[in-house]
PDB file of N, CA and C in Angstrom:
ATOM      1  N   THR A   1     102.370  96.096  86.924  1.00  0.00           N
ATOM      2  CA  THR A   1     101.251  95.826  87.799  1.00  0.00           C
ATOM      3  C   THR A   1     101.724  95.845  89.247  1.00  0.00           C
ATOM      4  N   THR A   2     101.029  96.598  90.071  1.00  0.00           N
ATOM      5  CA  THR A   2     101.330  96.613  91.500  1.00  0.00           C
ATOM      6  C   THR A   2     100.104  96.134  92.258  1.00  0.00           C
ATOM      7  N   SER A   3     100.303  95.147  93.103  1.00  0.00           N
ATOM      8  CA  SER A   3      99.223  94.645  93.932  1.00  0.00           C
ATOM      9  C   SER A   3      99.665  94.699  95.375  1.00  0.00           C
ATOM     10  N   LYS A   4      98.808  95.262  96.213  1.00  0.00           N
ATOM     11  CA  LYS A   4      99.111  95.426  97.631  1.00  0.00           C
ATOM     12  C   LYS A   4      97.924  94.952  98.450  1.00  0.00           C
ATOM     13  N   ASN A   5      98.205  94.437  99.614  1.00  0.00           N
ATOM     14  CA  ASN A   5      97.172  94.037 100.554  1.00  0.00           C
ATOM     15  C   ASN A   5      97.387  94.784 101.850  1.00  0.00           C
ATOM     16  N   PHE A   6      96.308  95.091 102.549  1.00  0.00           N
ATOM     17  CA  PHE A   6      96.431  95.633 103.885  1.00  0.00           C
ATOM     18  C   PHE A   6      95.265  95.136 104.717  1.00  0.00           C
ATOM     19  N   GLY A   7      95.481  95.151 106.013  1.00  0.00           N
ATOM     20  CA  GLY A   7      94.415  94.786 106.927  1.00  0.00           C
ATOM     21  C   GLY A   7      94.706  93.497 107.661  1.00  0.00           C
ATOM     22  N   ASP A   8      94.028  93.333 108.731  1.00  0.00           N
ATOM     23  CA  ASP A   8      94.033  92.134 109.551  1.00  0.00           C
ATOM     24  C   ASP A   8      92.873  92.298 110.501  1.00  0.00           C
ATOM     25  N   SER A   9      92.965  91.788 111.698  1.00  0.00           N
ATOM     26  CA  SER A   9      91.866  91.939 112.646  1.00  0.00           C
ATOM     27  C   SER A   9      91.885  93.296 113.348  1.00  0.00           C
ATOM     28  N   SER A  10      92.932  94.089 113.116  1.00  0.00           N
ATOM     29  CA  SER A  10      93.028  95.424 113.724  1.00  0.00           C
ATOM     30  C   SER A  10      92.216  96.441 112.924  1.00  0.00           C
ATOM     31  N   ASN A  11      91.808  97.513 113.602  1.00  0.00           N
ATOM     32  CA  ASN A  11      91.164  98.633 112.910  1.00  0.00           C
ATOM     33  C   ASN A  11      92.237  99.546 112.349  1.00  0.00           C
ATOM     34  N   TRP A  12      91.973 100.127 111.187  1.00  0.00           N
ATOM     35  CA  TRP A  12      92.901 101.035 110.527  1.00  0.00           C
ATOM     36  C   TRP A  12      92.246 102.405 110.440  1.00  0.00           C
ATOM     37  N   THR A  13      93.011 103.469 110.702  1.00  0.00           N
ATOM     38  CA  THR A  13      92.492 104.830 110.651  1.00  0.00           C
ATOM     39  C   THR A  13      93.420 105.685 109.803  1.00  0.00           C
ATOM     40  N   PHE A  14      92.824 106.460 108.870  1.00  0.00           N
ATOM     41  CA  PHE A  14      93.594 107.303 107.966  1.00  0.00           C
ATOM     42  C   PHE A  14      92.980 108.690 107.897  1.00  0.00           C
ATOM     43  N   TYR A  15      93.809 109.707 107.697  1.00  0.00           N
ATOM     44  CA  TYR A  15      93.338 111.016 107.281  1.00  0.00           C
ATOM     45  C   TYR A  15      93.769 111.127 105.826  1.00  0.00           C
ATOM     46  N   ASN A  16      92.824 111.018 104.919  1.00  0.00           N
ATOM     47  CA  ASN A  16      93.055 110.906 103.480  1.00  0.00           C
ATOM     48  C   ASN A  16      93.748 109.581 103.175  1.00  0.00           C
ATOM     49  N   LEU A  17      93.127 108.762 102.390  1.00  0.00           N
ATOM     50  CA  LEU A  17      93.699 107.498 101.935  1.00  0.00           C
ATOM     51  C   LEU A  17      93.582 107.456 100.418  1.00  0.00           C
ATOM     52  N   THR A  18      94.728 107.329  99.747  1.00  0.00           N
ATOM     53  CA  THR A  18      94.761 107.214  98.292  1.00  0.00           C
ATOM     54  C   THR A  18      95.405 105.896  97.928  1.00  0.00           C
ATOM     55  N   VAL A  19      94.705 105.101  97.108  1.00  0.00           N
ATOM     56  CA  VAL A  19      95.289 103.884  96.551  1.00  0.00           C
ATOM     57  C   VAL A  19      95.475 104.145  95.071  1.00  0.00           C
ATOM     58  N   SER A  20      96.696 103.882  94.581  1.00  0.00           N
ATOM     59  CA  SER A  20      96.981 104.194  93.184  1.00  0.00           C
ATOM     60  C   SER A  20      98.144 103.351  92.692  1.00  0.00           C
ATOM     61  N   GLY A  21      98.383 103.430  91.414  1.00  0.00           N
ATOM     62  CA  GLY A  21      99.440 102.674  90.759  1.00  0.00           C
ATOM     63  C   GLY A  21      98.866 102.043  89.509  1.00  0.00           C
ATOM     64  N   ALA A  22      99.535 102.234  88.400  1.00  0.00           N
ATOM     65  CA  ALA A  22      99.031 101.769  87.114  1.00  0.00           C
ATOM     66  C   ALA A  22      98.744 100.279  87.128  1.00  0.00           C
ATOM     67  N   SER A  23      97.568  99.928  86.691  1.00  0.00           N
ATOM     68  CA  SER A  23      97.136  98.535  86.564  1.00  0.00           C
ATOM     69  C   SER A  23      97.324  97.743  87.847  1.00  0.00           C
ATOM     70  N   GLY A  24      97.181  98.396  88.992  1.00  0.00           N
ATOM     71  CA  GLY A  24      97.379  97.731  90.267  1.00  0.00           C
ATOM     72  C   GLY A  24      96.084  97.492  91.002  1.00  0.00           C
ATOM     73  N   THR A  25      96.198  96.691  92.058  1.00  0.00           N
ATOM     74  CA  THR A  25      95.067  96.379  92.909  1.00  0.00           C
ATOM     75  C   THR A  25      95.490  96.502  94.360  1.00  0.00           C
ATOM     76  N   THR A  26      94.646  97.134  95.161  1.00  0.00           N
ATOM     77  CA  THR A  26      94.816  97.149  96.599  1.00  0.00           C
ATOM     78  C   THR A  26      93.647  96.378  97.182  1.00  0.00           C
ATOM     79  N   ALA A  27      93.950  95.366  97.978  1.00  0.00           N
ATOM     80  CA  ALA A  27      92.915  94.520  98.558  1.00  0.00           C
ATOM     81  C   ALA A  27      92.913  94.644 100.071  1.00  0.00           C
ATOM     82  N   ALA A  28      91.728  94.832 100.634  1.00  0.00           N
ATOM     83  CA  ALA A  28      91.566  94.899 102.084  1.00  0.00           C
ATOM     84  C   ALA A  28      91.250  93.501 102.592  1.00  0.00           C
ATOM     85  N   ASN A  29      92.065  93.031 103.524  1.00  0.00           N
ATOM     86  CA  ASN A  29      91.903  91.680 104.058  1.00  0.00           C
ATOM     87  C   ASN A  29      91.580  91.732 105.541  1.00  0.00           C
ATOM     88  N   GLY A  30      91.030  90.668 106.069  1.00  0.00           N
ATOM     89  CA  GLY A  30      90.776  90.573 107.499  1.00  0.00           C
ATOM     90  C   GLY A  30      89.472  91.227 107.905  1.00  0.00           C
ATOM     91  N   ALA A  31      89.214  91.202 109.209  1.00  0.00           N
ATOM     92  CA  ALA A  31      87.932  91.661 109.733  1.00  0.00           C
ATOM     93  C   ALA A  31      87.964  93.058 110.341  1.00  0.00           C
ATOM     94  N   GLY A  32      89.140  93.643 110.541  1.00  0.00           N
ATOM     95  CA  GLY A  32      89.220  94.972 111.155  1.00  0.00           C
ATOM     96  C   GLY A  32      88.587  96.026 110.275  1.00  0.00           C
ATOM     97  N   GLY A  33      88.030  97.063 110.897  1.00  0.00           N
ATOM     98  CA  GLY A  33      87.390  98.144 110.158  1.00  0.00           C
ATOM     99  C   GLY A  33      88.396  99.145 109.628  1.00  0.00           C
ATOM    100  N   VAL A  34      87.936  99.989 108.702  1.00  0.00           N
ATOM    101  CA  VAL A  34      88.763 101.057 108.130  1.00  0.00           C
ATOM    102  C   VAL A  34      87.999 102.364 108.282  1.00  0.00           C
ATOM    103  N   THR A  35      88.633 103.359 108.890  1.00  0.00           N
ATOM    104  CA  THR A  35      88.046 104.694 109.019  1.00  0.00           C
ATOM    105  C   THR A  35      88.912 105.667 108.235  1.00  0.00           C
ATOM    106  N   VAL A  36      88.262 106.426 107.352  1.00  0.00           N
ATOM    107  CA  VAL A  36      88.963 107.444 106.568  1.00  0.00           C
ATOM    108  C   VAL A  36      88.288 108.780 106.844  1.00  0.00           C
ATOM    109  N   THR A  37      89.044 109.690 107.431  1.00  0.00           N
ATOM    110  CA  THR A  37      88.559 111.043 107.656  1.00  0.00           C
ATOM    111  C   THR A  37      89.026 111.894 106.491  1.00  0.00           C
ATOM    112  N   ASN A  38      88.139 112.595 105.874  1.00  0.00           N
ATOM    113  CA  ASN A  38      88.344 113.509 104.765  1.00  0.00           C
ATOM    114  C   ASN A  38      88.060 112.810 103.440  1.00  0.00           C
ATOM    115  N   VAL A  39      89.039 112.192 102.739  1.00  0.00           N
ATOM    116  CA  VAL A  39      88.770 111.648 101.404  1.00  0.00           C
ATOM    117  C   VAL A  39      89.438 110.296 101.192  1.00  0.00           C
ATOM    118  N   LEU A  40      88.660 109.336 100.689  1.00  0.00           N
ATOM    119  CA  LEU A  40      89.166 108.062 100.182  1.00  0.00           C
ATOM    120  C   LEU A  40      89.210 108.195  98.663  1.00  0.00           C
ATOM    121  N   THR A  41      90.406 108.003  98.059  1.00  0.00           N
ATOM    122  CA  THR A  41      90.577 108.179  96.615  1.00  0.00           C
ATOM    123  C   THR A  41      91.124 106.902  95.991  1.00  0.00           C
ATOM    124  N   ILE A  42      90.502 106.486  94.892  1.00  0.00           N
ATOM    125  CA  ILE A  42      91.023 105.379  94.073  1.00  0.00           C
ATOM    126  C   ILE A  42      91.531 106.013  92.790  1.00  0.00           C
ATOM    127  N   GLY A  43      92.841 105.922  92.555  1.00  0.00           N
ATOM    128  CA  GLY A  43      93.457 106.530  91.385  1.00  0.00           C
ATOM    129  C   GLY A  43      93.096 105.815  90.093  1.00  0.00           C
ATOM    130  N   ALA A  44      93.291 106.520  88.984  1.00  0.00           N
ATOM    131  CA  ALA A  44      93.023 105.970  87.654  1.00  0.00           C
ATOM    132  C   ALA A  44      93.834 104.701  87.420  1.00  0.00           C
ATOM    133  N   SER A  45      93.266 103.758  86.718  1.00  0.00           N
ATOM    134  CA  SER A  45      93.919 102.480  86.374  1.00  0.00           C
ATOM    135  C   SER A  45      94.244 101.642  87.594  1.00  0.00           C
ATOM    136  N   HIS A  46      93.587 101.901  88.716  1.00  0.00           N
ATOM    137  CA  HIS A  46      93.817 101.125  89.934  1.00  0.00           C
ATOM    138  C   HIS A  46      92.487 100.564  90.417  1.00  0.00           C
ATOM    139  N   THR A  47      92.555  99.454  91.141  1.00  0.00           N
ATOM    140  CA  THR A  47      91.358  98.805  91.683  1.00  0.00           C
ATOM    141  C   THR A  47      91.472  98.715  93.196  1.00  0.00           C
ATOM    142  N   LEU A  48      90.398  99.088  93.887  1.00  0.00           N
ATOM    143  CA  LEU A  48      90.291  98.849  95.324  1.00  0.00           C
ATOM    144  C   LEU A  48      89.279  97.744  95.532  1.00  0.00           C
ATOM    145  N   THR A  49      89.729  96.651  96.133  1.00  0.00           N
ATOM    146  CA  THR A  49      88.858  95.549  96.503  1.00  0.00           C
ATOM    147  C   THR A  49      88.595  95.688  97.994  1.00  0.00           C
ATOM    148  N   ALA A  50      87.364  96.017  98.364  1.00  0.00           N
ATOM    149  CA  ALA A  50      87.043  96.424  99.732  1.00  0.00           C
ATOM    150  C   ALA A  50      86.917  95.274 100.726  1.00  0.00           C
ATOM    151  N   GLY A  51      86.828  94.044 100.256  1.00  0.00           N
ATOM    152  CA  GLY A  51      86.778  92.891 101.153  1.00  0.00           C
ATOM    153  C   GLY A  51      85.491  92.814 101.954  1.00  0.00           C
ATOM    154  N   ALA A  52      85.609  92.305 103.173  1.00  0.00           N
ATOM    155  CA  ALA A  52      84.451  92.135 104.057  1.00  0.00           C
ATOM    156  C   ALA A  52      84.472  93.144 105.197  1.00  0.00           C
ATOM    157  N   LYS A  53      85.218  94.196 105.037  1.00  0.00           N
ATOM    158  CA  LYS A  53      85.393  95.190 106.101  1.00  0.00           C
ATOM    159  C   LYS A  53      84.227  96.173 106.171  1.00  0.00           C
ATOM    160  N   THR A  54      84.095  96.811 107.330  1.00  0.00           N
ATOM    161  CA  THR A  54      83.221  97.969 107.462  1.00  0.00           C
ATOM    162  C   THR A  54      84.095  99.202 107.296  1.00  0.00           C
ATOM    163  N   TRP A  55      83.772 100.015 106.315  1.00  0.00           N
ATOM    164  CA  TRP A  55      84.497 101.243 106.010  1.00  0.00           C
ATOM    165  C   TRP A  55      83.659 102.411 106.510  1.00  0.00           C
ATOM    166  N   THR A  56      84.261 103.291 107.285  1.00  0.00           N
ATOM    167  CA  THR A  56      83.585 104.478 107.776  1.00  0.00           C
ATOM    168  C   THR A  56      84.279 105.695 107.191  1.00  0.00           C
ATOM    169  N   LEU A  57      83.522 106.487 106.443  1.00  0.00           N
ATOM    170  CA  LEU A  57      84.036 107.716 105.859  1.00  0.00           C
ATOM    171  C   LEU A  57      83.458 108.870 106.654  1.00  0.00           C
ATOM    172  N   SER A  58      84.311 109.802 107.051  1.00  0.00           N
ATOM    173  CA  SER A  58      83.821 110.913 107.854  1.00  0.00           C
ATOM    174  C   SER A  58      84.327 112.238 107.318  1.00  0.00           C
ATOM    175  N   ASP A  59      83.601 113.279 107.657  1.00  0.00           N
ATOM    176  CA  ASP A  59      83.883 114.626 107.204  1.00  0.00           C
ATOM    177  C   ASP A  59      85.028 115.217 108.013  1.00  0.00           C
ATOM    178  N   GLY A  60      86.110 115.576 107.336  1.00  0.00           N
ATOM    179  CA  GLY A  60      87.243 116.155 108.029  1.00  0.00           C
ATOM    180  C   GLY A  60      87.368 117.656 107.880  1.00  0.00           C
ATOM    181  N   THR A  61      86.648 118.234 106.907  1.00  0.00           N
ATOM    182  CA  THR A  61      86.842 119.658 106.639  1.00  0.00           C
ATOM    183  C   THR A  61      85.560 120.463 106.636  1.00  0.00           C
ATOM    184  N   GLY A  62      84.449 119.856 106.848  1.00  0.00           N
ATOM    185  CA  GLY A  62      83.172 120.564 106.774  1.00  0.00           C
ATOM    186  C   GLY A  62      82.496 120.305 105.443  1.00  0.00           C
ATOM    187  N   CYS A  63      81.201 120.281 105.455  1.00  0.00           N
ATOM    188  CA  CYS A  63      80.442 119.983 104.250  1.00  0.00           C
ATOM    189  C   CYS A  63      79.938 121.258 103.615  1.00  0.00           C
ATOM    190  N   PRO A  64      79.595 121.240 102.301  1.00  0.00           N
ATOM    191  CA  PRO A  64      79.489 120.041 101.494  1.00  0.00           C
ATOM    192  C   PRO A  64      80.858 119.423 101.203  1.00  0.00           C
ATOM    193  N   CYS A  65      80.870 118.091 101.076  1.00  0.00           N
ATOM    194  CA  CYS A  65      82.140 117.397 100.899  1.00  0.00           C
ATOM    195  C   CYS A  65      81.977 116.195  99.972  1.00  0.00           C
ATOM    196  N   THR A  66      83.100 115.666  99.536  1.00  0.00           N
ATOM    197  CA  THR A  66      83.138 114.482  98.689  1.00  0.00           C
ATOM    198  C   THR A  66      84.132 113.509  99.320  1.00  0.00           C
ATOM    199  N   PRO A  67      83.665 112.629 100.227  1.00  0.00           N
ATOM    200  CA  PRO A  67      84.582 111.770 100.954  1.00  0.00           C
ATOM    201  C   PRO A  67      85.073 110.544 100.180  1.00  0.00           C
ATOM    202  N   PHE A  68      84.498 110.283  98.993  1.00  0.00           N
ATOM    203  CA  PHE A  68      84.895 109.091  98.232  1.00  0.00           C
ATOM    204  C   PHE A  68      84.983 109.484  96.766  1.00  0.00           C
ATOM    205  N   VAL A  69      86.208 109.403  96.197  1.00  0.00           N
ATOM    206  CA  VAL A  69      86.442 109.744  94.795  1.00  0.00           C
ATOM    207  C   VAL A  69      87.112 108.551  94.132  1.00  0.00           C
ATOM    208  N   ALA A  70      86.490 108.030  93.080  1.00  0.00           N
ATOM    209  CA  ALA A  70      87.052 106.878  92.379  1.00  0.00           C
ATOM    210  C   ALA A  70      87.156 107.166  90.891  1.00  0.00           C
ATOM    211  N   THR A  71      88.390 107.333  90.402  1.00  0.00           N
ATOM    212  CA  THR A  71      88.605 107.405  88.960  1.00  0.00           C
ATOM    213  C   THR A  71      89.070 106.047  88.455  1.00  0.00           C
ATOM    214  N   GLY A  72      89.371 105.149  89.384  1.00  0.00           N
ATOM    215  CA  GLY A  72      89.714 103.767  89.075  1.00  0.00           C
ATOM    216  C   GLY A  72      88.501 102.883  89.302  1.00  0.00           C
ATOM    217  N   VAL A  73      88.742 101.631  89.673  1.00  0.00           N
ATOM    218  CA  VAL A  73      87.678 100.640  89.827  1.00  0.00           C
ATOM    219  C   VAL A  73      87.456 100.342  91.306  1.00  0.00           C
ATOM    220  N   PHE A  74      86.194 100.363  91.725  1.00  0.00           N
ATOM    221  CA  PHE A  74      85.824 100.022  93.090  1.00  0.00           C
ATOM    222  C   PHE A  74      85.061  98.705  93.075  1.00  0.00           C
ATOM    223  N   THR A  75      85.587  97.714  93.826  1.00  0.00           N
ATOM    224  CA  THR A  75      84.914  96.422  93.968  1.00  0.00           C
ATOM    225  C   THR A  75      84.476  96.294  95.418  1.00  0.00           C
ATOM    226  N   ALA A  76      83.175  96.304  95.654  1.00  0.00           N
ATOM    227  CA  ALA A  76      82.632  96.347  97.013  1.00  0.00           C
ATOM    228  C   ALA A  76      82.789  95.033  97.769  1.00  0.00           C
ATOM    229  N   ASN A  77      82.767  93.898  97.085  1.00  0.00           N
ATOM    230  CA  ASN A  77      82.738  92.589  97.736  1.00  0.00           C
ATOM    231  C   ASN A  77      81.578  92.562  98.728  1.00  0.00           C
ATOM    232  N   THR A  78      81.813  92.132  99.959  1.00  0.00           N
ATOM    233  CA  THR A  78      80.748  92.098 100.974  1.00  0.00           C
ATOM    234  C   THR A  78      80.941  93.200 102.007  1.00  0.00           C
ATOM    235  N   SER A  79      81.670  94.236 101.654  1.00  0.00           N
ATOM    236  CA  SER A  79      81.951  95.336 102.578  1.00  0.00           C
ATOM    237  C   SER A  79      80.698  96.166 102.859  1.00  0.00           C
ATOM    238  N   THR A  80      80.795  96.927 103.929  1.00  0.00           N
ATOM    239  CA  THR A  80      79.770  97.901 104.283  1.00  0.00           C
ATOM    240  C   THR A  80      80.439  99.264 104.332  1.00  0.00           C
ATOM    241  N   PHE A  81      79.828 100.255 103.699  1.00  0.00           N
ATOM    242  CA  PHE A  81      80.334 101.622 103.744  1.00  0.00           C
ATOM    243  C   PHE A  81      79.319 102.481 104.464  1.00  0.00           C
ATOM    244  N   LYS A  82      79.812 103.284 105.396  1.00  0.00           N
ATOM    245  CA  LYS A  82      78.920 104.230 106.064  1.00  0.00           C
ATOM    246  C   LYS A  82      79.606 105.584 106.152  1.00  0.00           C
ATOM    247  N   TYR A  83      78.765 106.615 106.161  1.00  0.00           N
ATOM    248  CA  TYR A  83      79.271 107.972 106.238  1.00  0.00           C
ATOM    249  C   TYR A  83      78.796 108.600 107.536  1.00  0.00           C
ATOM    250  N   THR A  84      79.718 109.223 108.246  1.00  0.00           N
ATOM    251  CA  THR A  84      79.344 109.954 109.452  1.00  0.00           C
ATOM    252  C   THR A  84      79.726 111.406 109.250  1.00  0.00           C
ATOM    253  N   GLY A  85      78.733 112.252 109.177  1.00  0.00           N
ATOM    254  CA  GLY A  85      78.965 113.672 108.969  1.00  0.00           C
ATOM    255  C   GLY A  85      77.690 114.447 109.202  1.00  0.00           C
ATOM    256  N   ASN A  86      77.776 115.746 109.074  1.00  0.00           N
ATOM    257  CA  ASN A  86      76.639 116.595 109.415  1.00  0.00           C
ATOM    258  C   ASN A  86      75.977 117.284 108.239  1.00  0.00           C
ATOM    259  N   GLY A  87      76.489 117.125 107.045  1.00  0.00           N
ATOM    260  CA  GLY A  87      75.928 117.880 105.930  1.00  0.00           C
ATOM    261  C   GLY A  87      75.776 117.056 104.674  1.00  0.00           C
ATOM    262  N   ALA A  88      75.373 117.721 103.604  1.00  0.00           N
ATOM    263  CA  ALA A  88      75.203 117.075 102.303  1.00  0.00           C
ATOM    264  C   ALA A  88      76.542 116.500 101.843  1.00  0.00           C
ATOM    265  N   THR A  89      76.498 115.331 101.239  1.00  0.00           N
ATOM    266  CA  THR A  89      77.709 114.617 100.864  1.00  0.00           C
ATOM    267  C   THR A  89      77.576 114.054  99.459  1.00  0.00           C
ATOM    268  N   ASN A  90      78.651 114.106  98.684  1.00  0.00           N
ATOM    269  CA  ASN A  90      78.677 113.542  97.337  1.00  0.00           C
ATOM    270  C   ASN A  90      79.685 112.410  97.276  1.00  0.00           C
ATOM    271  N   ILE A  91      79.374 111.406  96.475  1.00  0.00           N
ATOM    272  CA  ILE A  91      80.291 110.311  96.188  1.00  0.00           C
ATOM    273  C   ILE A  91      80.572 110.379  94.695  1.00  0.00           C
ATOM    274  N   ALA A  92      81.847 110.535  94.315  1.00  0.00           N
ATOM    275  CA  ALA A  92      82.213 110.720  92.909  1.00  0.00           C
ATOM    276  C   ALA A  92      82.866 109.451  92.370  1.00  0.00           C
ATOM    277  N   LEU A  93      82.132 108.737  91.526  1.00  0.00           N
ATOM    278  CA  LEU A  93      82.649 107.513  90.911  1.00  0.00           C
ATOM    279  C   LEU A  93      82.775 107.750  89.409  1.00  0.00           C
ATOM    280  N   HIS A  94      83.973 107.569  88.875  1.00  0.00           N
ATOM    281  CA  HIS A  94      84.271 107.811  87.457  1.00  0.00           C
ATOM    282  C   HIS A  94      83.349 106.975  86.572  1.00  0.00           C
ATOM    283  N   ASP A  95      82.785 107.607  85.555  1.00  0.00           N
ATOM    284  CA  ASP A  95      81.896 106.953  84.595  1.00  0.00           C
ATOM    285  C   ASP A  95      80.660 106.348  85.242  1.00  0.00           C
ATOM    286  N   ARG A  96      80.309 106.826  86.405  1.00  0.00           N
ATOM    287  CA  ARG A  96      79.120 106.364  87.096  1.00  0.00           C
ATOM    288  C   ARG A  96      78.399 107.602  87.621  1.00  0.00           C
ATOM    289  N   PRO A  97      77.142 107.443  87.997  1.00  0.00           N
ATOM    290  CA  PRO A  97      76.448 108.618  88.552  1.00  0.00           C
ATOM    291  C   PRO A  97      77.118 109.079  89.850  1.00  0.00           C
ATOM    292  N   THR A  98      76.914 110.327  90.176  1.00  0.00           N
ATOM    293  CA  THR A  98      77.363 110.852  91.459  1.00  0.00           C
ATOM    294  C   THR A  98      76.222 110.656  92.448  1.00  0.00           C
ATOM    295  N   PHE A  99      76.518 110.073  93.593  1.00  0.00           N
ATOM    296  CA  PHE A  99      75.520 109.807  94.602  1.00  0.00           C
ATOM    297  C   PHE A  99      75.566 110.898  95.656  1.00  0.00           C
ATOM    298  N   ALA A 100      74.423 111.377  96.083  1.00  0.00           N
ATOM    299  CA  ALA A 100      74.375 112.409  97.127  1.00  0.00           C
ATOM    300  C   ALA A 100      73.709 111.831  98.363  1.00  0.00           C
ATOM    301  N   PHE A 101      74.369 111.973  99.485  1.00  0.00           N
ATOM    302  CA  PHE A 101      73.847 111.524 100.769  1.00  0.00           C
ATOM    303  C   PHE A 101      73.537 112.741 101.611  1.00  0.00           C
ATOM    304  N   CYS A 102      72.380 112.791 102.196  1.00  0.00           N
ATOM    305  CA  CYS A 102      72.002 113.925 103.042  1.00  0.00           C
ATOM    306  C   CYS A 102      71.668 113.464 104.440  1.00  0.00           C
TER     307      CYS A 102
END
């Protein structure tokens, strides 16, 4: 089991963010926001606990795009997720419906 925490009052910015590791958990702590350009991925057998952060997902390569892919477990907590982009967008959650944002 691998468990990792990240975050504080600072904002975090990533180009592609993947959280993974068998039976592990990554937890976002603190009040700073998280911006991911291109794709946020939760690997199989891993859990992302989003905390109370505002997560901004943005298009890095042009749409149509899939900025959020989860084959593991996503726990929203009290987080807010927003997408900033110009085209049709898909959210791919394993064993769940695919959500399309336009």
